[in-house]
Protein backbone atom coordinates (compact mmCIF):
# COMPACT_ATOMS: atom_id res chain seq x y z
CA UNK A 1 75.73 -36.35 -48.97
CA UNK A 2 72.19 -35.00 -49.14
CA UNK A 3 71.68 -31.46 -50.67
CA UNK A 4 71.46 -28.82 -47.94
CA UNK A 5 67.77 -27.80 -48.98
CA UNK A 6 66.38 -31.19 -49.01
CA UNK A 7 64.25 -32.56 -46.08
CA UNK A 8 64.65 -35.58 -44.38
CA UNK A 9 61.07 -36.45 -44.44
CA UNK A 10 58.88 -35.02 -47.36
CA UNK A 11 55.61 -33.38 -46.46
CA UNK A 12 52.71 -34.31 -48.47
CA UNK A 13 50.04 -31.58 -48.77
CA UNK A 14 46.63 -31.08 -50.69
CA UNK A 15 47.01 -28.93 -53.61
CA UNK A 16 43.95 -27.89 -56.03
CA UNK A 17 41.28 -29.25 -55.36
CA UNK A 18 42.58 -31.99 -52.79
CA UNK A 19 45.33 -33.79 -54.55
CA UNK A 20 48.34 -35.04 -52.63
CA UNK A 21 52.09 -33.51 -53.31
CA UNK A 22 54.84 -34.06 -51.92
CA UNK A 23 57.46 -31.20 -51.33
CA UNK A 24 61.01 -32.75 -50.80
CA UNK A 25 62.93 -29.82 -50.59
CA UNK A 26 63.15 -26.06 -49.30
CA UNK A 27 62.47 -24.47 -52.47
CA UNK A 28 59.22 -26.61 -52.78
CA UNK A 29 58.01 -25.44 -49.55
CA UNK A 30 59.11 -22.19 -50.88
CA UNK A 31 57.33 -22.06 -53.99
CA UNK A 32 53.80 -22.83 -52.64
CA UNK A 33 54.41 -20.41 -49.83
CA UNK A 34 55.53 -17.61 -52.97
CA UNK A 35 51.54 -19.17 -54.83
CA UNK A 36 49.69 -18.82 -51.55
CA UNK A 37 46.94 -15.49 -52.02
CA UNK A 38 47.75 -12.33 -50.66
CA UNK A 39 44.55 -12.04 -49.33
CA UNK A 40 45.19 -15.66 -47.17
CA UNK A 41 48.42 -14.96 -46.13
CA UNK A 42 48.71 -14.55 -42.25
CA UNK A 43 51.37 -14.91 -39.43
CA UNK A 44 52.07 -18.17 -39.75
CA UNK A 45 52.01 -17.46 -43.63
CA UNK A 46 54.88 -14.65 -42.92
CA UNK A 47 57.30 -16.95 -40.99
CA UNK A 48 57.29 -19.91 -43.02
CA UNK A 49 58.12 -18.52 -45.92
CA UNK A 50 60.81 -16.18 -44.29
CA UNK A 51 62.09 -19.48 -42.70
CA UNK A 52 62.26 -21.49 -46.17
CA UNK A 53 63.99 -18.24 -47.68
CA UNK A 54 66.81 -18.19 -44.95
CA UNK A 55 67.45 -21.48 -45.37
CA UNK A 56 67.89 -21.13 -49.10
CA UNK A 57 70.32 -18.57 -48.09
CA UNK A 58 71.59 -21.21 -45.71
CA UNK A 59 71.45 -18.97 -42.77
CA UNK A 60 69.57 -21.63 -40.83
CA UNK A 61 68.92 -25.55 -41.82
CA UNK A 62 66.24 -26.95 -43.81
CA UNK A 63 64.20 -28.86 -40.74
CA UNK A 64 63.63 -25.67 -39.05
CA UNK A 65 62.03 -24.33 -42.32
CA UNK A 66 60.25 -27.56 -43.28
CA UNK A 67 58.97 -27.71 -39.02
CA UNK A 68 57.47 -23.90 -39.71
CA UNK A 69 56.09 -24.73 -43.04
CA UNK A 70 54.26 -27.98 -41.47
CA UNK A 71 52.71 -25.66 -38.78
CA UNK A 72 51.74 -23.67 -41.42
CA UNK A 73 50.10 -26.22 -43.36
CA UNK A 74 48.72 -27.69 -39.72
CA UNK A 75 46.99 -24.58 -39.64
CA UNK A 76 45.20 -24.42 -43.09
CA UNK A 77 44.30 -27.96 -43.00
CA UNK A 78 46.84 -28.63 -45.91
CA UNK A 79 48.51 -32.06 -44.83
CA UNK A 80 47.28 -34.82 -46.50
CA UNK A 81 48.21 -37.22 -43.15
CA UNK A 82 46.07 -34.79 -40.67
CA UNK A 83 43.39 -34.50 -43.02
CA UNK A 84 43.03 -38.27 -43.23
CA UNK A 85 43.29 -38.98 -39.71
CA UNK A 86 40.30 -36.24 -39.60
CA UNK A 87 38.39 -37.39 -41.93
CA UNK A 88 38.57 -41.38 -40.42
CA UNK A 89 37.25 -40.12 -36.87
CA UNK A 90 34.75 -38.05 -38.33
CA UNK A 91 33.74 -41.85 -40.34
CA UNK A 92 34.01 -43.19 -36.94
CA UNK A 93 31.23 -40.69 -35.50
CA UNK A 94 28.88 -41.46 -38.41
CA UNK A 95 29.39 -44.66 -37.90
CA UNK A 96 28.81 -44.72 -33.96
CA UNK A 97 25.84 -42.29 -34.13
CA UNK A 98 24.25 -44.79 -36.34
CA UNK A 99 24.18 -47.74 -34.44
């Protein structure tokens, strides 16, 4: 049986100077949110942090917390998958502009 705080699918985000990191559990997501700079915290951060805390207490399921963490990560351009797609689109646009 899987631990109740493990995500069904990891969330890959960029940390530090653009290094990808896979977050596999609610606790890993919570730690990332807890370390987020206070000056950059917003409503999306607050909601995701509260959701992760509720999941750790067993009040909501891990997938609900994951969804809210993903929404936070999308808002702050942290998702590795999203950035890769954006980078590809920019490269394609630049290539098309050269022709």
